[in-house]
Amino acid sequence: MLLADRDVIRPEHGVQLVRAIPGSQLMIVPGNHGDYLGEQAASDGDLRTMRTTLPFILRHLDEA
């Protein structure tokens, strides 16, 4: 699960979900909902968070 510290889903709820799903992982990044995926409306065009997060997402997908 990937979410931001100021996301729609609160970090503590993400922790609860990951604990309930065996083998799941959680990554919490700084920002708002959509920032970490480069969503234009959410990030106001600032793609720094997305560029920082992307290598972690790709590494996770490669390991899956």
N, C-alpha and C. Protein backbone atom coordinates (compact mmCIF):
# COMPACT_ATOMS: atom_id res chain seq x y z
N MET A 1 0.84 -1.16 0.00
CA MET A 1 0.00 0.00 0.00
C MET A 1 0.89 1.23 0.00
N LEU A 2 0.51 2.19 -0.78
CA LEU A 2 1.25 3.45 -0.87
C LEU A 2 0.28 4.57 -0.58
N LEU A 3 0.65 5.44 0.36
CA LEU A 3 -0.17 6.60 0.62
C LEU A 3 0.70 7.72 1.15
N ALA A 4 0.13 8.91 1.15
CA ALA A 4 0.85 10.08 1.62
C ALA A 4 0.47 10.38 3.07
N ASP A 5 1.33 11.13 3.74
CA ASP A 5 1.06 11.42 5.15
C ASP A 5 -0.13 12.36 5.34
N ARG A 6 -0.55 13.04 4.26
CA ARG A 6 -1.75 13.89 4.32
C ARG A 6 -2.75 13.42 3.26
N ASP A 7 -2.88 12.11 3.13
CA ASP A 7 -3.73 11.48 2.12
C ASP A 7 -5.17 11.38 2.60
N VAL A 8 -6.04 10.89 1.72
CA VAL A 8 -7.44 10.64 2.07
C VAL A 8 -7.51 9.57 3.17
N ILE A 9 -6.72 8.51 3.00
CA ILE A 9 -6.61 7.47 4.03
C ILE A 9 -5.53 7.91 5.01
N ARG A 10 -5.86 7.95 6.28
CA ARG A 10 -4.89 8.37 7.28
C ARG A 10 -3.83 7.29 7.47
N PRO A 11 -2.59 7.69 7.76
CA PRO A 11 -1.51 6.71 7.92
C PRO A 11 -1.83 5.59 8.91
N GLU A 12 -2.49 5.91 10.01
CA GLU A 12 -2.79 4.86 10.99
C GLU A 12 -3.77 3.83 10.43
N HIS A 13 -4.63 4.25 9.51
CA HIS A 13 -5.53 3.29 8.87
C HIS A 13 -4.75 2.41 7.89
N GLY A 14 -3.77 2.99 7.23
CA GLY A 14 -2.91 2.20 6.36
C GLY A 14 -2.16 1.13 7.14
N VAL A 15 -1.68 1.49 8.33
CA VAL A 15 -0.99 0.53 9.19
C VAL A 15 -1.94 -0.60 9.58
N GLN A 16 -3.16 -0.27 9.94
CA GLN A 16 -4.15 -1.29 10.30
C GLN A 16 -4.41 -2.24 9.13
N LEU A 17 -4.55 -1.69 7.92
CA LEU A 17 -4.79 -2.53 6.75
C LEU A 17 -3.63 -3.48 6.48
N VAL A 18 -2.42 -2.96 6.56
CA VAL A 18 -1.24 -3.78 6.28
C VAL A 18 -1.10 -4.89 7.32
N ARG A 19 -1.41 -4.59 8.55
CA ARG A 19 -1.36 -5.62 9.59
C ARG A 19 -2.40 -6.71 9.35
N ALA A 20 -3.52 -6.35 8.73
CA ALA A 20 -4.61 -7.30 8.50
C ALA A 20 -4.40 -8.16 7.25
N ILE A 21 -3.50 -7.73 6.36
CA ILE A 21 -3.28 -8.43 5.09
C ILE A 21 -1.90 -9.06 5.11
N PRO A 22 -1.83 -10.38 5.26
CA PRO A 22 -0.53 -11.06 5.32
C PRO A 22 0.32 -10.77 4.07
N GLY A 23 1.60 -10.47 4.30
CA GLY A 23 2.53 -10.25 3.21
C GLY A 23 2.46 -8.86 2.58
N SER A 24 1.58 -8.02 3.09
CA SER A 24 1.46 -6.68 2.49
C SER A 24 2.56 -5.77 3.02
N GLN A 25 2.75 -4.66 2.32
CA GLN A 25 3.76 -3.68 2.69
C GLN A 25 3.14 -2.30 2.66
N LEU A 26 3.74 -1.38 3.38
CA LEU A 26 3.22 -0.01 3.45
C LEU A 26 4.37 0.96 3.22
N MET A 27 4.11 1.93 2.37
CA MET A 27 5.05 3.03 2.16
C MET A 27 4.26 4.32 2.32
N ILE A 28 4.70 5.17 3.26
CA ILE A 28 4.06 6.46 3.48
C ILE A 28 5.06 7.54 3.06
N VAL A 29 4.62 8.38 2.14
CA VAL A 29 5.49 9.44 1.61
C VAL A 29 4.92 10.80 2.01
N PRO A 30 5.74 11.82 2.02
CA PRO A 30 5.23 13.15 2.35
C PRO A 30 4.35 13.68 1.22
N GLY A 31 3.29 14.36 1.58
CA GLY A 31 2.46 14.98 0.56
C GLY A 31 0.99 14.74 0.76
N ASN A 32 0.24 15.07 -0.28
CA ASN A 32 -1.21 14.92 -0.30
C ASN A 32 -1.60 13.81 -1.26
N HIS A 33 -2.89 13.51 -1.29
CA HIS A 33 -3.42 12.47 -2.16
C HIS A 33 -3.05 12.77 -3.62
N GLY A 34 -2.42 11.81 -4.26
CA GLY A 34 -2.07 11.94 -5.68
C GLY A 34 -0.71 12.54 -5.95
N ASP A 35 -0.11 13.24 -4.97
CA ASP A 35 1.21 13.84 -5.19
C ASP A 35 2.23 12.80 -5.62
N TYR A 36 2.21 11.66 -4.95
CA TYR A 36 3.23 10.64 -5.15
C TYR A 36 3.08 9.90 -6.47
N LEU A 37 1.97 10.10 -7.16
CA LEU A 37 1.80 9.49 -8.49
C LEU A 37 1.89 10.52 -9.59
N GLY A 38 2.11 11.77 -9.23
CA GLY A 38 2.24 12.82 -10.23
C GLY A 38 0.91 13.26 -10.80
N GLU A 39 -0.18 13.03 -10.08
CA GLU A 39 -1.50 13.44 -10.53
C GLU A 39 -1.53 14.96 -10.62
N GLN A 40 -1.72 15.50 -11.79
CA GLN A 40 -1.58 16.93 -12.03
C GLN A 40 -2.49 17.78 -11.14
N ALA A 41 -3.75 17.40 -10.99
CA ALA A 41 -4.67 18.20 -10.20
C ALA A 41 -4.27 18.19 -8.73
N ALA A 42 -3.76 17.07 -8.26
CA ALA A 42 -3.38 16.96 -6.85
C ALA A 42 -2.03 17.62 -6.58
N SER A 43 -1.10 17.51 -7.51
CA SER A 43 0.26 17.98 -7.27
C SER A 43 0.51 19.40 -7.73
N ASP A 44 -0.48 20.03 -8.35
CA ASP A 44 -0.31 21.38 -8.91
C ASP A 44 0.89 21.46 -9.84
N GLY A 45 1.18 20.36 -10.51
CA GLY A 45 2.28 20.33 -11.46
C GLY A 45 3.65 20.12 -10.84
N ASP A 46 3.73 20.03 -9.51
CA ASP A 46 5.00 19.79 -8.82
C ASP A 46 5.23 18.28 -8.76
N LEU A 47 6.15 17.79 -9.56
CA LEU A 47 6.37 16.36 -9.69
C LEU A 47 7.54 15.84 -8.85
N ARG A 48 8.05 16.64 -7.93
CA ARG A 48 9.20 16.21 -7.12
C ARG A 48 8.88 14.96 -6.29
N THR A 49 7.72 14.94 -5.65
CA THR A 49 7.37 13.78 -4.83
C THR A 49 7.24 12.55 -5.69
N MET A 50 6.60 12.68 -6.85
CA MET A 50 6.45 11.55 -7.76
C MET A 50 7.82 11.03 -8.22
N ARG A 51 8.72 11.93 -8.54
CA ARG A 51 10.05 11.50 -8.99
C ARG A 51 10.82 10.80 -7.88
N THR A 52 10.59 11.19 -6.65
CA THR A 52 11.24 10.54 -5.51
C THR A 52 10.63 9.17 -5.24
N THR A 53 9.32 9.06 -5.37
CA THR A 53 8.59 7.84 -5.06
C THR A 53 8.71 6.78 -6.15
N LEU A 54 8.79 7.19 -7.39
CA LEU A 54 8.78 6.27 -8.52
C LEU A 54 9.81 5.15 -8.44
N PRO A 55 11.06 5.40 -8.08
CA PRO A 55 12.02 4.28 -7.99
C PRO A 55 11.60 3.21 -6.98
N PHE A 56 10.98 3.61 -5.88
CA PHE A 56 10.51 2.65 -4.88
C PHE A 56 9.37 1.81 -5.44
N ILE A 57 8.46 2.45 -6.17
CA ILE A 57 7.34 1.72 -6.79
C ILE A 57 7.88 0.71 -7.80
N LEU A 58 8.77 1.14 -8.64
CA LEU A 58 9.33 0.25 -9.68
C LEU A 58 10.08 -0.91 -9.05
N ARG A 59 10.84 -0.66 -8.00
CA ARG A 59 11.56 -1.73 -7.32
C ARG A 59 10.57 -2.75 -6.72
N HIS A 60 9.51 -2.25 -6.11
CA HIS A 60 8.49 -3.13 -5.55
C HIS A 60 7.85 -4.00 -6.64
N LEU A 61 7.54 -3.40 -7.77
CA LEU A 61 6.93 -4.14 -8.87
C LEU A 61 7.89 -5.18 -9.44
N ASP A 62 9.16 -4.86 -9.49
CA ASP A 62 10.15 -5.82 -9.97
C ASP A 62 10.27 -7.02 -9.03
N GLU A 63 10.08 -6.80 -7.73
CA GLU A 63 10.19 -7.86 -6.74
C GLU A 63 8.94 -8.73 -6.67
N ALA A 64 7.84 -8.20 -7.16
CA ALA A 64 6.56 -8.94 -7.05
C ALA A 64 6.50 -10.12 -8.00
